[in-house]
Amino acid sequence: MVALNYQTHDSALVINDGRFRECGNQGYVFKPEYLYGDSLEDLDDALDCPRPKKVTISILNGFCLPKSMDSKPGIQKRTINPFVSVTLYDGSPASLLPPPSFTTGVVKGNGLNPIWKENEAATFTCLNPALGIVSFAVYDHDD
């Protein structure tokens, strides 16, 4: 059993939501295939992660991003300066370390249809592909 704070919309809540969407919001998740084995040798091989996968993600553009709210209530900024943060959560044995992440450059003054550099890409090594989740977050760079 796991206790999760639903009052705070943080990365743990987003990861949990993403994990349970995998089976169509049924409230359960199938075990990874390597846990179906009858012997403990299969489990040891899975924890050693013998077959990691390399994942490359390119952020190309955004479309109709909303305007951010200014510090004063009710006042909206004219344009935003967006950037994207990509994080890989894979439940690997190295999960005590911070998850690998990538941040794009800031697109100045084009919050409606931002376009990022084509040669900018995030490359991750997913140590446990059966449990991997990629999280995308769009932020406004405040000068």
N, C-alpha and C. Protein backbone atom coordinates (compact mmCIF):
# COMPACT_ATOMS: atom_id res chain seq x y z
N MET A 1 0.85 -1.17 0.00
CA MET A 1 0.00 0.00 0.00
C MET A 1 0.90 1.24 0.00
N VAL A 2 0.47 2.25 -0.74
CA VAL A 2 1.25 3.48 -0.85
C VAL A 2 0.33 4.66 -0.53
N ALA A 3 0.85 5.58 0.26
CA ALA A 3 0.11 6.81 0.55
C ALA A 3 0.61 7.89 -0.40
N LEU A 4 -0.30 8.61 -1.02
CA LEU A 4 0.06 9.64 -1.98
C LEU A 4 -0.76 10.89 -1.68
N ASN A 5 -0.09 12.02 -1.64
CA ASN A 5 -0.75 13.27 -1.32
C ASN A 5 -1.39 13.84 -2.59
N TYR A 6 -2.71 13.78 -2.68
CA TYR A 6 -3.41 14.28 -3.86
C TYR A 6 -3.65 15.78 -3.79
N GLN A 7 -3.27 16.42 -2.70
CA GLN A 7 -3.45 17.87 -2.58
C GLN A 7 -2.30 18.64 -3.20
N THR A 8 -1.18 17.99 -3.39
CA THR A 8 0.00 18.63 -3.96
C THR A 8 0.25 18.05 -5.35
N HIS A 9 0.14 18.88 -6.37
CA HIS A 9 0.35 18.41 -7.75
C HIS A 9 1.84 18.49 -8.05
N ASP A 10 2.56 17.41 -7.72
CA ASP A 10 4.00 17.37 -7.93
C ASP A 10 4.36 16.22 -8.86
N SER A 11 5.66 15.99 -9.04
CA SER A 11 6.10 14.96 -9.99
C SER A 11 5.67 13.56 -9.56
N ALA A 12 5.62 13.28 -8.26
CA ALA A 12 5.19 11.95 -7.80
C ALA A 12 3.75 11.67 -8.21
N LEU A 13 2.89 12.65 -8.13
CA LEU A 13 1.49 12.47 -8.52
C LEU A 13 1.37 12.29 -10.03
N VAL A 14 2.16 13.01 -10.81
CA VAL A 14 2.12 12.89 -12.27
C VAL A 14 2.63 11.51 -12.69
N ILE A 15 3.68 11.01 -12.06
CA ILE A 15 4.22 9.68 -12.38
C ILE A 15 3.19 8.61 -12.04
N ASN A 16 2.56 8.71 -10.88
CA ASN A 16 1.55 7.74 -10.48
C ASN A 16 0.38 7.74 -11.47
N ASP A 17 -0.07 8.91 -11.87
CA ASP A 17 -1.16 9.02 -12.84
C ASP A 17 -0.76 8.39 -14.17
N GLY A 18 0.46 8.65 -14.61
CA GLY A 18 0.94 8.07 -15.86
C GLY A 18 1.05 6.56 -15.80
N ARG A 19 1.46 6.03 -14.68
CA ARG A 19 1.60 4.58 -14.54
C ARG A 19 0.24 3.89 -14.64
N PHE A 20 -0.79 4.44 -14.01
CA PHE A 20 -2.08 3.78 -14.01
C PHE A 20 -2.91 4.08 -15.26
N ARG A 21 -2.49 5.01 -16.10
CA ARG A 21 -3.14 5.22 -17.39
C ARG A 21 -2.74 4.13 -18.38
N GLU A 22 -1.69 3.41 -18.06
CA GLU A 22 -1.17 2.38 -18.95
C GLU A 22 -2.22 1.31 -19.26
N CYS A 23 -3.08 0.98 -18.32
CA CYS A 23 -4.12 -0.03 -18.53
C CYS A 23 -5.49 0.59 -18.65
N GLY A 24 -5.57 1.78 -19.17
CA GLY A 24 -6.85 2.43 -19.41
C GLY A 24 -7.57 2.87 -18.16
N ASN A 25 -6.83 3.37 -17.16
CA ASN A 25 -7.40 3.86 -15.90
C ASN A 25 -8.22 2.80 -15.17
N GLN A 26 -7.78 1.54 -15.24
CA GLN A 26 -8.50 0.46 -14.57
C GLN A 26 -8.14 0.34 -13.09
N GLY A 27 -7.06 0.98 -12.65
CA GLY A 27 -6.67 0.92 -11.25
C GLY A 27 -5.66 -0.16 -10.94
N TYR A 28 -5.15 -0.83 -11.96
CA TYR A 28 -4.12 -1.84 -11.76
C TYR A 28 -3.12 -1.75 -12.90
N VAL A 29 -1.97 -2.37 -12.68
CA VAL A 29 -0.93 -2.41 -13.71
C VAL A 29 -0.40 -3.84 -13.76
N PHE A 30 -0.26 -4.38 -14.95
CA PHE A 30 0.29 -5.72 -15.10
C PHE A 30 1.75 -5.74 -14.66
N LYS A 31 2.18 -6.89 -14.15
CA LYS A 31 3.58 -7.06 -13.80
C LYS A 31 4.42 -7.06 -15.07
N PRO A 32 5.67 -6.58 -14.97
CA PRO A 32 6.56 -6.69 -16.14
C PRO A 32 6.81 -8.16 -16.45
N GLU A 33 7.11 -8.45 -17.71
CA GLU A 33 7.27 -9.84 -18.15
C GLU A 33 8.37 -10.57 -17.40
N TYR A 34 9.44 -9.87 -17.00
CA TYR A 34 10.53 -10.58 -16.34
C TYR A 34 10.14 -11.06 -14.95
N LEU A 35 9.04 -10.59 -14.38
CA LEU A 35 8.60 -11.06 -13.06
C LEU A 35 7.70 -12.30 -13.16
N TYR A 36 7.38 -12.75 -14.37
CA TYR A 36 6.56 -13.96 -14.53
C TYR A 36 7.37 -15.23 -14.38
N GLY A 37 8.70 -15.15 -14.31
CA GLY A 37 9.55 -16.33 -14.22
C GLY A 37 9.32 -17.10 -12.92
N ASP A 38 9.67 -18.39 -12.94
CA ASP A 38 9.49 -19.23 -11.76
C ASP A 38 10.72 -19.24 -10.86
N SER A 39 11.85 -18.81 -11.35
CA SER A 39 13.06 -18.89 -10.54
C SER A 39 13.54 -17.49 -10.17
N LEU A 40 14.36 -17.44 -9.15
CA LEU A 40 14.91 -16.17 -8.72
C LEU A 40 16.01 -15.68 -9.66
N GLU A 41 16.51 -16.55 -10.53
CA GLU A 41 17.55 -16.13 -11.48
C GLU A 41 17.01 -15.07 -12.44
N ASP A 42 15.74 -15.24 -12.85
CA ASP A 42 15.13 -14.25 -13.75
C ASP A 42 15.06 -12.89 -13.07
N LEU A 43 14.73 -12.88 -11.77
CA LEU A 43 14.64 -11.63 -11.03
C LEU A 43 16.01 -10.98 -10.90
N ASP A 44 17.05 -11.78 -10.63
CA ASP A 44 18.39 -11.22 -10.53
C ASP A 44 18.83 -10.61 -11.85
N ASP A 45 18.52 -11.27 -12.97
CA ASP A 45 18.87 -10.73 -14.27
C ASP A 45 18.16 -9.41 -14.52
N ALA A 46 16.91 -9.30 -14.08
CA ALA A 46 16.15 -8.07 -14.30
C ALA A 46 16.72 -6.92 -13.47
N LEU A 47 17.14 -7.21 -12.26
CA LEU A 47 17.69 -6.15 -11.43
C LEU A 47 19.06 -5.70 -11.91
N ASP A 48 19.79 -6.59 -12.58
CA ASP A 48 21.07 -6.21 -13.15
C ASP A 48 20.90 -5.43 -14.45
N CYS A 49 19.71 -5.43 -14.99
CA CYS A 49 19.36 -4.69 -16.20
C CYS A 49 20.28 -5.02 -17.37
N PRO A 50 20.24 -6.27 -17.85
CA PRO A 50 21.15 -6.67 -18.92
C PRO A 50 20.83 -6.06 -20.27
N ARG A 51 19.59 -5.60 -20.48
CA ARG A 51 19.20 -5.08 -21.80
C ARG A 51 18.65 -3.66 -21.69
N PRO A 52 19.49 -2.70 -21.34
CA PRO A 52 18.99 -1.32 -21.32
C PRO A 52 18.70 -0.84 -22.74
N LYS A 53 17.81 0.12 -22.85
CA LYS A 53 17.45 0.68 -24.15
C LYS A 53 17.84 2.15 -24.19
N LYS A 54 18.31 2.56 -25.34
CA LYS A 54 18.65 3.97 -25.55
C LYS A 54 17.44 4.67 -26.17
N VAL A 55 17.05 5.79 -25.57
CA VAL A 55 15.89 6.55 -26.02
C VAL A 55 16.36 7.95 -26.39
N THR A 56 16.02 8.40 -27.59
CA THR A 56 16.34 9.74 -28.03
C THR A 56 15.04 10.49 -28.33
N ILE A 57 14.88 11.66 -27.70
CA ILE A 57 13.67 12.45 -27.84
C ILE A 57 14.05 13.84 -28.33
N SER A 58 13.42 14.27 -29.41
CA SER A 58 13.62 15.62 -29.94
C SER A 58 12.35 16.43 -29.70
N ILE A 59 12.50 17.60 -29.14
CA ILE A 59 11.39 18.52 -28.96
C ILE A 59 11.39 19.43 -30.17
N LEU A 60 10.35 19.35 -30.99
CA LEU A 60 10.31 20.12 -32.23
C LEU A 60 9.62 21.47 -32.05
N ASN A 61 8.35 21.45 -31.62
CA ASN A 61 7.63 22.71 -31.50
C ASN A 61 6.47 22.55 -30.53
N GLY A 62 5.87 23.67 -30.21
CA GLY A 62 4.66 23.69 -29.39
C GLY A 62 3.56 24.37 -30.17
N PHE A 63 2.34 24.27 -29.65
CA PHE A 63 1.21 24.83 -30.38
C PHE A 63 0.21 25.41 -29.40
N CYS A 64 -0.09 26.69 -29.54
CA CYS A 64 -1.09 27.39 -28.73
C CYS A 64 -0.86 27.22 -27.23
N LEU A 65 0.33 27.53 -26.79
CA LEU A 65 0.61 27.46 -25.35
C LEU A 65 -0.12 28.60 -24.65
N PRO A 66 -0.69 28.35 -23.49
CA PRO A 66 -1.45 29.41 -22.81
C PRO A 66 -0.53 30.48 -22.26
N LYS A 67 -1.08 31.67 -22.11
CA LYS A 67 -0.32 32.76 -21.51
C LYS A 67 -0.22 32.50 -20.01
N SER A 68 0.92 32.87 -19.44
CA SER A 68 1.07 32.67 -18.01
C SER A 68 0.52 33.87 -17.26
N MET A 69 0.16 33.64 -16.02
CA MET A 69 -0.37 34.72 -15.19
C MET A 69 0.79 35.51 -14.60
N ASP A 70 0.64 36.81 -14.52
CA ASP A 70 1.65 37.67 -13.90
C ASP A 70 1.53 37.54 -12.39
N SER A 71 2.47 38.11 -11.68
CA SER A 71 2.43 38.04 -10.22
C SER A 71 1.24 38.79 -9.64
N LYS A 72 0.72 39.77 -10.38
CA LYS A 72 -0.47 40.48 -9.93
C LYS A 72 -1.70 39.70 -10.39
N PRO A 73 -2.67 39.48 -9.53
CA PRO A 73 -3.84 38.68 -9.91
C PRO A 73 -4.63 39.32 -11.06
N GLY A 74 -5.01 38.46 -12.03
CA GLY A 74 -5.86 38.90 -13.12
C GLY A 74 -5.13 39.54 -14.28
N ILE A 75 -3.84 39.77 -14.18
CA ILE A 75 -3.09 40.41 -15.26
C ILE A 75 -2.28 39.33 -15.97
N GLN A 76 -2.44 39.22 -17.29
CA GLN A 76 -1.70 38.25 -18.08
C GLN A 76 -0.54 38.92 -18.79
N LYS A 77 0.54 38.15 -18.94
CA LYS A 77 1.67 38.63 -19.73
C LYS A 77 1.30 38.61 -21.20
N ARG A 78 1.97 39.41 -22.00
CA ARG A 78 1.71 39.43 -23.44
C ARG A 78 2.21 38.14 -24.10
N THR A 79 3.45 37.78 -23.89
CA THR A 79 4.01 36.55 -24.47
C THR A 79 4.77 35.80 -23.39
N ILE A 80 4.98 34.54 -23.63
CA ILE A 80 5.79 33.75 -22.70
C ILE A 80 7.06 33.32 -23.42
N ASN A 81 8.04 32.95 -22.65
CA ASN A 81 9.31 32.46 -23.16
C ASN A 81 9.43 30.99 -22.73
N PRO A 82 8.87 30.06 -23.51
CA PRO A 82 8.78 28.68 -23.06
C PRO A 82 10.07 27.88 -23.22
N PHE A 83 10.20 26.90 -22.34
CA PHE A 83 11.21 25.85 -22.49
C PHE A 83 10.60 24.56 -21.95
N VAL A 84 11.15 23.42 -22.37
CA VAL A 84 10.60 22.11 -22.02
C VAL A 84 11.63 21.34 -21.21
N SER A 85 11.14 20.68 -20.17
CA SER A 85 11.97 19.79 -19.37
C SER A 85 11.47 18.37 -19.58
N VAL A 86 12.38 17.46 -19.96
CA VAL A 86 12.06 16.06 -20.20
C VAL A 86 12.80 15.23 -19.15
N THR A 87 12.06 14.36 -18.44
CA THR A 87 12.65 13.55 -17.38
C THR A 87 12.26 12.10 -17.59
N LEU A 88 13.21 11.19 -17.38
CA LEU A 88 12.97 9.75 -17.51
C LEU A 88 12.94 9.13 -16.12
N TYR A 89 11.84 8.48 -15.79
CA TYR A 89 11.71 7.71 -14.56
C TYR A 89 11.61 6.26 -14.98
N ASP A 90 12.61 5.45 -14.59
CA ASP A 90 12.60 4.06 -15.07
C ASP A 90 12.62 3.02 -13.97
N GLY A 91 12.56 3.40 -12.71
CA GLY A 91 12.51 2.41 -11.63
C GLY A 91 13.72 1.52 -11.60
N SER A 92 14.85 2.02 -12.04
CA SER A 92 16.06 1.21 -12.09
C SER A 92 16.67 1.06 -10.71
N PRO A 93 17.61 0.13 -10.54
CA PRO A 93 18.27 -0.02 -9.24
C PRO A 93 18.99 1.25 -8.79
N ALA A 94 19.30 2.14 -9.72
CA ALA A 94 19.95 3.40 -9.37
C ALA A 94 18.90 4.48 -9.07
N SER A 95 17.71 4.07 -8.62
CA SER A 95 16.63 5.03 -8.43
C SER A 95 16.85 5.98 -7.26
N LEU A 96 17.86 5.73 -6.43
CA LEU A 96 18.17 6.67 -5.36
C LEU A 96 18.84 7.93 -5.90
N LEU A 97 19.41 7.82 -7.08
CA LEU A 97 20.01 8.98 -7.74
C LEU A 97 18.90 9.81 -8.36
N PRO A 98 19.12 11.11 -8.59
CA PRO A 98 18.08 11.89 -9.28
C PRO A 98 17.86 11.35 -10.69
N PRO A 99 16.62 11.37 -11.17
CA PRO A 99 16.36 10.84 -12.51
C PRO A 99 17.03 11.70 -13.58
N PRO A 100 17.44 11.08 -14.68
CA PRO A 100 18.06 11.87 -15.75
C PRO A 100 17.04 12.80 -16.40
N SER A 101 17.48 14.01 -16.69
CA SER A 101 16.56 14.97 -17.29
C SER A 101 17.30 15.81 -18.34
N PHE A 102 16.52 16.47 -19.17
CA PHE A 102 17.04 17.30 -20.25
C PHE A 102 16.17 18.54 -20.33
N THR A 103 16.78 19.68 -20.55
CA THR A 103 16.05 20.94 -20.68
C THR A 103 16.41 21.58 -22.01
N THR A 104 15.39 21.98 -22.76
CA THR A 104 15.63 22.64 -24.04
C THR A 104 16.05 24.08 -23.80
N GLY A 105 16.42 24.73 -24.87
CA GLY A 105 16.71 26.15 -24.79
C GLY A 105 15.41 26.95 -24.70
N VAL A 106 15.53 28.20 -24.34
CA VAL A 106 14.36 29.08 -24.19
C VAL A 106 14.04 29.72 -25.54
N VAL A 107 12.77 29.69 -25.93
CA VAL A 107 12.31 30.39 -27.14
C VAL A 107 11.76 31.72 -26.67
N LYS A 108 12.45 32.79 -27.00
CA LYS A 108 12.07 34.12 -26.51
C LYS A 108 10.93 34.71 -27.34
N GLY A 109 9.89 35.16 -26.65
CA GLY A 109 8.82 35.93 -27.26
C GLY A 109 7.91 35.20 -28.22
N ASN A 110 7.91 33.87 -28.23
CA ASN A 110 7.03 33.13 -29.14
C ASN A 110 6.33 32.04 -28.36
N GLY A 111 5.37 32.43 -27.54
CA GLY A 111 4.64 31.45 -26.74
C GLY A 111 3.50 30.80 -27.50
N LEU A 112 3.08 31.39 -28.62
CA LEU A 112 1.97 30.82 -29.36
C LEU A 112 2.40 29.57 -30.12
N ASN A 113 3.46 29.66 -30.88
CA ASN A 113 3.96 28.52 -31.66
C ASN A 113 5.49 28.44 -31.57
N PRO A 114 6.04 28.06 -30.42
CA PRO A 114 7.50 28.01 -30.29
C PRO A 114 8.10 26.86 -31.10
N ILE A 115 9.27 27.12 -31.68
CA ILE A 115 10.01 26.11 -32.43
C ILE A 115 11.40 26.01 -31.81
N TRP A 116 11.79 24.79 -31.44
CA TRP A 116 13.11 24.58 -30.85
C TRP A 116 14.08 24.11 -31.91
N LYS A 117 15.35 24.13 -31.58
CA LYS A 117 16.40 23.73 -32.52
C LYS A 117 16.25 22.26 -32.88
N GLU A 118 16.43 21.96 -34.16
CA GLU A 118 16.27 20.58 -34.62
C GLU A 118 17.39 19.68 -34.15
N ASN A 119 18.57 20.23 -33.91
CA ASN A 119 19.69 19.39 -33.51
C ASN A 119 19.75 19.17 -31.99
N GLU A 120 18.79 19.75 -31.25
CA GLU A 120 18.72 19.58 -29.81
C GLU A 120 17.90 18.32 -29.50
N ALA A 121 18.52 17.34 -28.85
CA ALA A 121 17.80 16.11 -28.54
C ALA A 121 18.24 15.59 -27.19
N ALA A 122 17.31 14.95 -26.50
CA ALA A 122 17.59 14.31 -25.22
C ALA A 122 17.88 12.85 -25.48
N THR A 123 18.99 12.35 -24.99
CA THR A 123 19.33 10.94 -25.13
C THR A 123 19.43 10.35 -23.74
N PHE A 124 18.59 9.35 -23.48
CA PHE A 124 18.56 8.68 -22.19
C PHE A 124 18.88 7.21 -22.37
N THR A 125 19.43 6.60 -21.34
CA THR A 125 19.58 5.16 -21.28
C THR A 125 18.58 4.65 -20.26
N CYS A 126 17.57 3.94 -20.72
CA CYS A 126 16.52 3.41 -19.85
C CYS A 126 16.97 2.04 -19.36
N LEU A 127 17.34 1.96 -18.09
CA LEU A 127 17.86 0.72 -17.54
C LEU A 127 16.77 -0.33 -17.33
N ASN A 128 15.55 0.09 -17.11
CA ASN A 128 14.45 -0.84 -16.90
C ASN A 128 13.28 -0.44 -17.81
N PRO A 129 13.32 -0.82 -19.09
CA PRO A 129 12.32 -0.37 -20.05
C PRO A 129 10.89 -0.79 -19.72
N ALA A 130 10.71 -1.88 -18.97
CA ALA A 130 9.36 -2.33 -18.64
C ALA A 130 8.65 -1.35 -17.71
N LEU A 131 9.41 -0.53 -16.98
CA LEU A 131 8.81 0.40 -16.03
C LEU A 131 9.04 1.86 -16.39
N GLY A 132 9.61 2.13 -17.55
CA GLY A 132 9.99 3.49 -17.91
C GLY A 132 8.81 4.42 -18.17
N ILE A 133 8.91 5.64 -17.65
CA ILE A 133 7.93 6.70 -17.90
C ILE A 133 8.71 7.96 -18.25
N VAL A 134 8.28 8.63 -19.31
CA VAL A 134 8.90 9.90 -19.71
C VAL A 134 7.91 11.01 -19.36
N SER A 135 8.42 12.03 -18.66
CA SER A 135 7.59 13.15 -18.24
C SER A 135 8.02 14.40 -19.00
N PHE A 136 7.04 15.12 -19.55
CA PHE A 136 7.29 16.38 -20.26
C PHE A 136 6.65 17.51 -19.46
N ALA A 137 7.38 18.59 -19.26
CA ALA A 137 6.84 19.76 -18.55
C ALA A 137 7.25 21.01 -19.31
N VAL A 138 6.30 21.90 -19.53
CA VAL A 138 6.56 23.17 -20.22
C VAL A 138 6.53 24.29 -19.19
N TYR A 139 7.59 25.09 -19.19
CA TYR A 139 7.72 26.18 -18.23
C TYR A 139 7.88 27.52 -18.97
N ASP A 140 7.63 28.60 -18.24
CA ASP A 140 7.85 29.94 -18.76
C ASP A 140 9.13 30.46 -18.12
N HIS A 141 10.10 30.83 -18.96
CA HIS A 141 11.35 31.40 -18.44
C HIS A 141 11.09 32.85 -18.08
N ASP A 142 11.25 33.19 -16.83
CA ASP A 142 10.99 34.54 -16.36
C ASP A 142 12.30 35.31 -16.34
N ASP A 143 12.35 36.39 -17.11
CA ASP A 143 13.57 37.19 -17.16
C ASP A 143 13.72 37.95 -15.86
